[in-house]
Amino acid sequence: MATQRLGIIMNGVTGRMGLNQHLVRSIVAIRKQGGVALSNGDRVMPDPILVGRNAEKVAALAKQYGIERSTSDLDAALKNPDDTVFFDAATTQMRCDLLTKAINAGKHVYCEKPISDSLDKALAVAKLAKQKGIKHGVVQDKLFLPGLRKIQLLKESGFFGKILSVRGEFGYWVFEGDWGQPAQRPSWNYRAADGGGIILDMLCHWRYVLDNLFGNVKAVSCLGATHIPSRVDEQGKTYNADVDDAAYATFELEGGVIAQINSSWVTRVKRDDLVTFHVDGTHGSAVAGLTRCYTQHRVNTPRPVWNPDEPQTMKFQDQWEEMPRQHGLRQRLQGAVGRFHPPPDRRHAVEIRFA
C-alpha cells in the first residue's frame, strides 16, 4: 500500500465558508483519517498550501490545523509543479481571473460557486478549462446532504411514481444589527459591489439540485426583493443593503415537473429545518431537510375535508413516517462523484425581476 501526495493550493480559506467547510471539515478531516482510500489499496493524502493576502493570518491558520505550508504569494504558489490542484473560495468578483490564471498555469481547478457574476465570464473560463484539457469542477455540496440522498433513494426505488412538483423553502431571519443582536451573515452579502445577494448565492445551489434529482431545468422565473434596505455592518456602521435578501423562483423541468423554491434571509422558521424540500408524486410524497426525510404513501394518505366552520381535528404532522437510516447510504455518499452542470451550449429561458 502506497501513499500518493496531492498538492493543493487553497485560496480564500480565511473566509467563513473556506475555513469551516473546505479546510476544517474537508481537508483537515481527510488528513486526520489518513487520506482517501483508493480501490487498489493506495491512499491519497492532501498536502495543502494555504494562500491569503494576510501572511500572518494564513500562517496562524496553518499552525492551528497542522498545515505545514502557507503563503501570501499566489503567483509563486502557482509556479510550483508539485502542487497540481488550485481551489478558490475567495470573492466571486475575483474568481474568474484567478481560475484563468490557474488554468493557464496548468492546474486542475475546483472552486466555490458561483464561478462568476457574469454569464460571459463563466462560459469563457469553462471553455478555457475544456480547451486546456484540465479537470475542473464547482462545489455542489447540497447533493450530498443526507436528506436529499434519501430523496434520491426514494426516487430510484419508484416510491414517487410520476413526480409532479417540488417545493423548497430555505432561509431564516438574519438580524439587521441595529438593536443589540449582531447579524449572523457578513455585510458583503448585502452589497452589490461585493458580489452579494441571495439570488447569486443560492439559486445556483437549487439549479444543480433540480438538475440532478428531478430533471433538467428548462426555464426559470425569479422575483428578487430587497425587503430590508438598511443594515449595520461589523464595525457598527449603517450601510445601504442594495441587493436582494429574498428570492421567489419557479422552475420548469424536463418531464413536466414544476418546482417552486423560496429563498429568504428575512423569514422566521416554522418548519423542521432551515431548508426543506417537499416532493409530490402520484404514488407518494416526501419532505426532506438537511438530514431527515418523512414520507407519505398513497395507501396512507388521509382524506381531509375542507370545513372552515369547524376547528381542524387532523394532526397533519403526525401522518408522516420518518425514513429510517438506510444501510449503505454512507458508502454511496462517499462514492458519489460530483458533476459539473450545465454544459456551455445548453440554453434556458431565464427571467429575473427585482421588486
Protein backbone atom coordinates (compact mmCIF):
# COMPACT_ATOMS: atom_id res chain seq x y z
CA MET A 1 0.00 0.00 0.00
CA ALA A 2 1.42 3.38 -1.06
CA THR A 3 0.50 6.94 -0.17
CA GLN A 4 0.10 9.39 -3.03
CA ARG A 5 0.64 13.06 -2.20
CA LEU A 6 -1.84 15.57 -3.67
CA GLY A 7 -0.63 19.15 -3.56
CA ILE A 8 -3.50 21.64 -3.31
CA ILE A 9 -3.26 25.42 -3.48
CA MET A 10 -6.11 26.63 -1.25
CA ASN A 11 -7.07 30.27 -1.77
CA GLY A 12 -9.67 32.04 0.35
CA VAL A 13 -9.61 29.83 3.45
CA THR A 14 -9.67 32.82 5.81
CA GLY A 15 -13.33 33.38 4.94
CA ARG A 16 -16.19 31.65 6.76
CA MET A 17 -17.02 29.12 4.05
CA GLY A 18 -13.43 28.45 3.00
CA LEU A 19 -12.34 27.89 6.59
CA ASN A 20 -15.21 25.88 8.04
CA GLN A 21 -16.48 23.84 5.13
CA HIS A 22 -13.43 23.36 2.96
CA LEU A 23 -10.41 23.49 5.25
CA VAL A 24 -11.65 22.16 8.61
CA ARG A 25 -14.49 19.83 7.61
CA SER A 26 -12.89 18.59 4.40
CA ILE A 27 -9.11 18.75 4.01
CA VAL A 28 -8.19 18.67 7.70
CA ALA A 29 -10.72 15.88 8.34
CA ILE A 30 -9.37 13.83 5.41
CA ARG A 31 -5.82 14.24 6.67
CA LYS A 32 -6.81 13.14 10.17
CA GLN A 33 -8.40 9.96 8.85
CA GLY A 34 -5.25 9.09 6.94
CA GLY A 35 -6.22 10.26 3.47
CA VAL A 36 -8.66 8.85 0.94
CA ALA A 37 -8.52 5.12 0.24
CA LEU A 38 -8.35 4.04 -3.41
CA SER A 39 -9.68 0.79 -4.84
CA ASN A 40 -6.16 -0.63 -5.22
CA GLY A 41 -5.39 -0.10 -1.53
CA ASP A 42 -3.32 3.06 -2.01
CA ARG A 43 -4.26 6.26 -0.21
CA VAL A 44 -4.28 9.87 -1.41
CA MET A 45 -3.08 12.36 1.17
CA PRO A 46 -3.85 16.05 0.58
CA ASP A 47 -0.90 18.37 1.16
CA PRO A 48 -2.37 21.89 1.07
CA ILE A 49 -0.66 25.24 0.97
CA LEU A 50 -2.86 27.99 2.40
CA VAL A 51 -2.89 31.23 0.40
CA GLY A 52 -4.19 34.61 1.53
CA ARG A 53 -3.43 38.31 1.39
CA ASN A 54 -2.59 38.44 5.11
CA ALA A 55 0.52 36.31 5.59
CA GLU A 56 0.25 36.32 9.39
CA LYS A 57 -3.38 35.23 9.33
CA VAL A 58 -2.87 32.28 6.97
CA ALA A 59 0.27 31.26 8.87
CA ALA A 60 -1.71 31.21 12.12
CA LEU A 61 -4.42 29.08 10.49
CA ALA A 62 -1.82 26.69 9.13
CA LYS A 63 -0.26 26.27 12.58
CA GLN A 64 -3.66 25.82 14.25
CA TYR A 65 -4.69 22.99 11.92
CA GLY A 66 -1.35 21.27 11.43
CA ILE A 67 -0.74 22.52 7.89
CA GLU A 68 2.95 22.86 7.08
CA ARG A 69 2.75 25.46 4.30
CA SER A 70 1.24 28.91 3.85
CA THR A 71 1.98 32.00 1.76
CA SER A 72 0.68 35.37 0.65
CA ASP A 73 2.28 34.96 -2.81
CA LEU A 74 -0.25 33.24 -5.06
CA ASP A 75 1.89 33.63 -8.19
CA ALA A 76 4.76 31.77 -6.54
CA ALA A 77 2.41 29.03 -5.38
CA LEU A 78 1.07 28.56 -8.91
CA LYS A 79 4.61 28.08 -10.22
CA ASN A 80 5.20 25.02 -8.03
CA PRO A 81 4.80 21.95 -10.29
CA ASP A 82 4.32 19.69 -7.25
CA ASP A 83 1.00 21.36 -6.43
CA THR A 84 -1.37 20.27 -9.16
CA VAL A 85 -4.76 21.49 -7.91
CA PHE A 86 -5.99 25.05 -7.34
CA PHE A 87 -9.00 25.64 -5.11
CA ASP A 88 -10.71 29.02 -4.67
CA ALA A 89 -13.26 30.12 -2.07
CA ALA A 90 -12.47 33.84 -2.12
CA THR A 91 -14.64 36.60 -3.59
CA THR A 92 -16.89 35.98 -6.58
CA GLN A 93 -15.66 39.07 -8.45
CA MET A 94 -12.06 37.82 -8.49
CA ARG A 95 -12.83 34.15 -9.12
CA CYS A 96 -12.79 34.06 -12.91
CA ASP A 97 -9.47 35.89 -13.12
CA LEU A 98 -7.93 33.57 -10.53
CA LEU A 99 -9.29 30.45 -12.23
CA THR A 100 -7.98 31.69 -15.58
CA LYS A 101 -4.55 32.27 -14.10
CA ALA A 102 -4.52 28.82 -12.50
CA ILE A 103 -5.73 27.08 -15.67
CA ASN A 104 -3.05 28.81 -17.73
CA ALA A 105 -0.52 27.60 -15.14
CA GLY A 106 -1.65 24.04 -15.87
CA LYS A 107 -3.51 23.45 -12.60
CA HIS A 108 -6.67 21.45 -12.21
CA VAL A 109 -9.29 23.72 -10.65
CA TYR A 110 -12.09 23.36 -8.14
CA CYS A 111 -13.97 26.30 -6.69
CA GLU A 112 -16.88 27.64 -4.71
CA LYS A 113 -19.98 28.77 -6.51
CA PRO A 114 -20.80 30.86 -8.42
CA ILE A 115 -17.80 30.91 -10.71
CA SER A 116 -18.73 34.43 -11.80
CA ASP A 117 -21.40 37.10 -11.55
CA SER A 118 -21.30 37.31 -15.36
CA LEU A 119 -22.52 34.60 -17.74
CA ASP A 120 -19.96 35.54 -20.40
CA LYS A 121 -17.05 35.22 -17.96
CA ALA A 122 -18.35 31.95 -16.57
CA LEU A 123 -18.65 30.42 -20.04
CA ALA A 124 -15.23 31.72 -21.03
CA VAL A 125 -13.43 30.11 -18.10
CA ALA A 126 -15.34 26.82 -18.58
CA LYS A 127 -14.35 26.74 -22.25
CA LEU A 128 -10.73 27.55 -21.37
CA ALA A 129 -10.60 24.63 -18.94
CA LYS A 130 -12.01 22.30 -21.59
CA GLN A 131 -9.59 23.64 -24.20
CA LYS A 132 -6.60 23.10 -21.89
CA GLY A 133 -7.75 19.59 -21.01
CA ILE A 134 -7.65 20.10 -17.26
CA LYS A 135 -10.05 18.69 -14.68
CA HIS A 136 -12.46 21.27 -13.33
CA GLY A 137 -15.43 21.43 -11.01
CA VAL A 138 -17.64 23.66 -8.91
CA VAL A 139 -18.91 22.93 -5.41
CA GLN A 140 -22.21 21.02 -5.46
CA ASP A 141 -22.33 20.14 -1.78
CA LYS A 142 -26.12 20.16 -1.35
CA LEU A 143 -26.38 16.99 -3.45
CA PHE A 144 -24.70 15.07 -0.65
CA LEU A 145 -26.93 16.19 2.20
CA PRO A 146 -28.33 13.05 3.89
CA GLY A 147 -31.89 14.33 3.46
CA LEU A 148 -31.51 14.77 -0.29
CA ARG A 149 -29.71 11.44 -0.66
CA LYS A 150 -32.79 9.85 0.90
CA ILE A 151 -34.97 11.66 -1.65
CA GLN A 152 -32.74 10.23 -4.39
CA LEU A 153 -33.11 6.75 -2.92
CA LEU A 154 -36.90 7.11 -2.87
CA LYS A 155 -36.89 8.24 -6.48
CA GLU A 156 -34.69 5.34 -7.60
CA SER A 157 -36.98 2.87 -5.82
CA GLY A 158 -40.05 4.17 -7.69
CA PHE A 159 -41.67 5.41 -4.48
CA PHE A 160 -43.00 8.64 -6.00
CA GLY A 161 -44.49 7.18 -9.17
CA LYS A 162 -44.61 10.16 -11.53
CA ILE A 163 -43.11 13.21 -9.82
CA LEU A 164 -45.47 16.16 -10.15
CA SER A 165 -43.92 19.03 -8.23
CA VAL A 166 -41.15 20.12 -5.87
CA ARG A 167 -41.48 22.88 -3.28
CA GLY A 168 -38.41 24.20 -1.50
CA GLU A 169 -38.21 26.58 1.45
CA PHE A 170 -34.84 27.93 2.51
CA GLY A 171 -33.85 30.64 4.93
CA TYR A 172 -34.04 32.21 8.34
CA TRP A 173 -34.05 35.64 9.92
CA VAL A 174 -30.72 37.44 9.63
CA PHE A 175 -30.63 40.21 12.23
CA GLU A 176 -30.29 43.74 10.95
CA GLY A 177 -27.59 44.53 13.52
CA ASP A 178 -29.20 47.72 14.82
CA TRP A 179 -30.88 46.70 18.09
CA GLY A 180 -28.49 44.52 20.08
CA GLN A 181 -28.48 41.33 18.03
CA PRO A 182 -25.48 41.12 15.68
CA ALA A 183 -26.03 39.88 12.14
CA GLN A 184 -25.24 36.19 11.52
CA ARG A 185 -24.06 36.83 7.97
CA PRO A 186 -21.24 39.13 6.76
CA SER A 187 -22.23 42.56 5.49
CA TRP A 188 -20.83 41.92 2.00
CA ASN A 189 -23.77 39.54 1.45
CA TYR A 190 -25.98 42.64 1.17
CA ARG A 191 -23.82 44.83 -1.10
CA ALA A 192 -23.89 44.58 -4.89
CA ALA A 193 -20.35 45.90 -5.21
CA ASP A 194 -19.07 42.97 -3.14
CA GLY A 195 -20.98 40.26 -5.01
CA GLY A 196 -23.83 39.97 -2.52
CA GLY A 197 -27.45 38.96 -2.96
CA ILE A 198 -29.38 35.80 -2.24
CA ILE A 199 -30.08 35.10 -5.93
CA LEU A 200 -26.38 34.93 -6.75
CA ASP A 201 -25.70 32.99 -3.56
CA MET A 202 -28.46 30.38 -3.53
CA LEU A 203 -30.10 29.84 -6.94
CA CYS A 204 -27.00 28.12 -8.31
CA HIS A 205 -27.43 25.56 -5.50
CA TRP A 206 -31.07 24.93 -6.36
CA ARG A 207 -30.19 24.65 -10.05
CA TYR A 208 -27.88 21.66 -9.63
CA VAL A 209 -30.17 20.05 -7.05
CA LEU A 210 -33.07 20.18 -9.51
CA ASP A 211 -30.93 19.08 -12.47
CA ASN A 212 -29.53 16.05 -10.68
CA LEU A 213 -32.54 14.89 -8.67
CA PHE A 214 -35.68 15.85 -10.56
CA GLY A 215 -34.97 16.84 -14.16
CA ASN A 216 -33.00 19.35 -16.20
CA VAL A 217 -34.14 22.94 -15.76
CA LYS A 218 -35.82 24.29 -18.92
CA ALA A 219 -36.96 27.71 -17.70
CA VAL A 220 -36.69 29.94 -14.64
CA SER A 221 -38.79 32.84 -13.42
CA CYS A 222 -37.41 34.60 -10.35
CA LEU A 223 -38.62 37.65 -8.44
CA GLY A 224 -35.92 39.15 -6.23
CA ALA A 225 -36.77 41.60 -3.47
CA THR A 226 -34.82 43.83 -1.09
CA HIS A 227 -37.12 43.78 1.92
CA ILE A 228 -34.70 45.46 4.36
CA PRO A 229 -32.81 48.29 2.62
CA SER A 230 -30.56 49.33 5.51
CA ARG A 231 -28.36 47.22 7.80
CA VAL A 232 -25.46 47.61 10.24
CA ASP A 233 -22.03 46.19 9.43
CA GLU A 234 -19.32 44.56 11.56
CA GLN A 235 -17.98 47.96 12.64
CA GLY A 236 -21.38 49.17 13.78
CA LYS A 237 -21.88 51.45 10.78
CA THR A 238 -25.17 51.68 8.91
CA TYR A 239 -24.97 50.86 5.20
CA ASN A 240 -27.35 50.53 2.26
CA ALA A 241 -28.35 46.95 1.51
CA ASP A 242 -28.72 47.25 -2.25
CA VAL A 243 -29.20 43.61 -3.26
CA ASP A 244 -31.97 41.06 -2.90
CA ASP A 245 -32.45 39.48 0.53
CA ALA A 246 -35.24 37.20 -0.72
CA ALA A 247 -35.93 35.36 -3.98
CA TYR A 248 -39.13 33.70 -5.13
CA ALA A 249 -38.43 31.33 -8.02
CA THR A 250 -40.39 28.96 -10.22
CA PHE A 251 -38.62 26.36 -12.38
CA GLU A 252 -39.96 24.31 -15.29
CA LEU A 253 -38.19 20.96 -15.52
CA GLU A 254 -37.99 18.34 -18.21
CA GLY A 255 -40.76 15.78 -17.84
CA GLY A 256 -43.34 18.35 -16.78
CA VAL A 257 -42.17 18.73 -13.17
CA ILE A 258 -42.78 22.19 -11.68
CA ALA A 259 -40.53 23.40 -8.86
CA GLN A 260 -41.05 26.40 -6.59
CA ILE A 261 -38.27 27.48 -4.25
CA ASN A 262 -38.33 30.43 -1.87
CA SER A 263 -35.01 31.67 -0.51
CA SER A 264 -35.03 34.29 2.22
CA TRP A 265 -32.84 35.92 4.85
CA VAL A 266 -35.93 37.71 6.20
CA THR A 267 -38.15 34.84 7.29
CA ARG A 268 -38.76 33.25 10.68
CA VAL A 269 -38.63 29.47 10.66
CA LYS A 270 -41.66 27.32 11.40
CA ARG A 271 -40.64 24.10 9.68
CA ASP A 272 -38.44 21.14 10.59
CA ASP A 273 -35.19 22.56 9.22
CA LEU A 274 -33.56 25.64 7.69
CA VAL A 275 -34.17 24.11 4.26
CA THR A 276 -36.91 21.67 3.30
CA PHE A 277 -37.85 20.04 0.01
CA HIS A 278 -41.40 18.74 -0.44
CA VAL A 279 -41.78 16.33 -3.35
CA ASP A 280 -45.24 15.25 -4.52
CA GLY A 281 -45.78 12.25 -6.81
CA THR A 282 -48.72 10.17 -7.96
CA HIS A 283 -47.78 7.29 -5.62
CA GLY A 284 -46.31 9.15 -2.68
CA SER A 285 -44.81 12.32 -1.23
CA ALA A 286 -41.72 13.10 0.83
CA VAL A 287 -40.36 16.04 2.78
CA ALA A 288 -36.62 16.23 3.43
CA GLY A 289 -34.48 18.60 5.44
CA LEU A 290 -30.72 18.58 5.86
CA THR A 291 -30.65 15.11 7.40
CA ARG A 292 -34.16 13.74 7.96
CA CYS A 293 -36.80 12.66 5.46
CA TYR A 294 -40.51 11.95 6.02
CA THR A 295 -42.77 10.04 3.64
CA GLN A 296 -46.46 9.50 2.99
CA HIS A 297 -47.50 6.78 0.54
CA ARG A 298 -50.79 6.87 -1.35
CA VAL A 299 -52.14 3.97 0.74
CA ASN A 300 -51.54 6.05 3.88
CA THR A 301 -52.79 9.36 2.51
CA PRO A 302 -55.64 10.74 4.69
CA ARG A 303 -58.92 12.21 3.42
CA PRO A 304 -59.10 15.75 4.82
CA VAL A 305 -62.32 17.70 4.42
CA TRP A 306 -62.42 21.46 3.95
CA ASN A 307 -64.72 22.91 6.59
CA PRO A 308 -63.89 26.44 7.76
CA ASP A 309 -66.73 26.34 10.28
CA GLU A 310 -65.05 23.71 12.49
CA PRO A 311 -61.59 23.59 14.10
CA GLN A 312 -59.21 21.21 12.33
CA THR A 313 -59.07 17.83 14.08
CA MET A 314 -56.41 16.16 11.94
CA LYS A 315 -52.81 16.42 13.10
CA PHE A 316 -51.16 16.52 9.71
CA GLN A 317 -47.59 16.36 11.03
CA ASP A 318 -48.37 13.01 12.69
CA GLN A 319 -49.50 11.46 9.40
CA TRP A 320 -45.95 11.18 8.03
CA GLU A 321 -43.43 8.40 8.66
CA GLU A 322 -39.74 9.16 9.11
CA MET A 323 -37.50 7.34 6.69
CA PRO A 324 -35.03 5.15 8.60
CA ARG A 325 -31.31 5.34 8.15
CA GLN A 326 -30.56 3.23 5.10
CA HIS A 327 -27.78 0.65 5.05
CA GLY A 328 -25.16 1.63 2.50
CA LEU A 329 -26.21 5.28 2.29
CA ARG A 330 -22.91 6.45 3.80
CA GLN A 331 -20.96 4.32 1.30
CA ARG A 332 -22.99 5.78 -1.55
CA LEU A 333 -22.26 9.27 -0.27
CA GLN A 334 -18.54 8.60 -0.09
CA GLY A 335 -18.51 7.03 -3.54
CA ALA A 336 -20.51 9.76 -5.22
CA VAL A 337 -18.77 11.77 -7.91
CA GLY A 338 -19.63 15.43 -8.38
CA ARG A 339 -20.75 16.59 -11.80
CA PHE A 340 -20.36 19.96 -13.45
CA HIS A 341 -23.62 21.40 -14.82
CA PRO A 342 -24.65 22.80 -17.21
CA PRO A 343 -22.60 22.32 -20.39
CA PRO A 344 -21.82 25.65 -22.02
CA ASP A 345 -24.10 25.10 -25.01
CA ARG A 346 -27.30 24.43 -23.02
CA ARG A 347 -29.89 27.17 -23.49
CA HIS A 348 -32.50 28.23 -20.98
CA ALA A 349 -35.24 30.78 -20.74
CA VAL A 350 -34.37 32.98 -17.80
CA GLU A 351 -36.41 35.82 -16.37
CA ILE A 352 -35.16 37.62 -13.27
CA ARG A 353 -37.05 40.61 -11.93
CA PHE A 354 -36.36 42.83 -8.93
CA ALA A 355 -39.08 44.36 -6.80
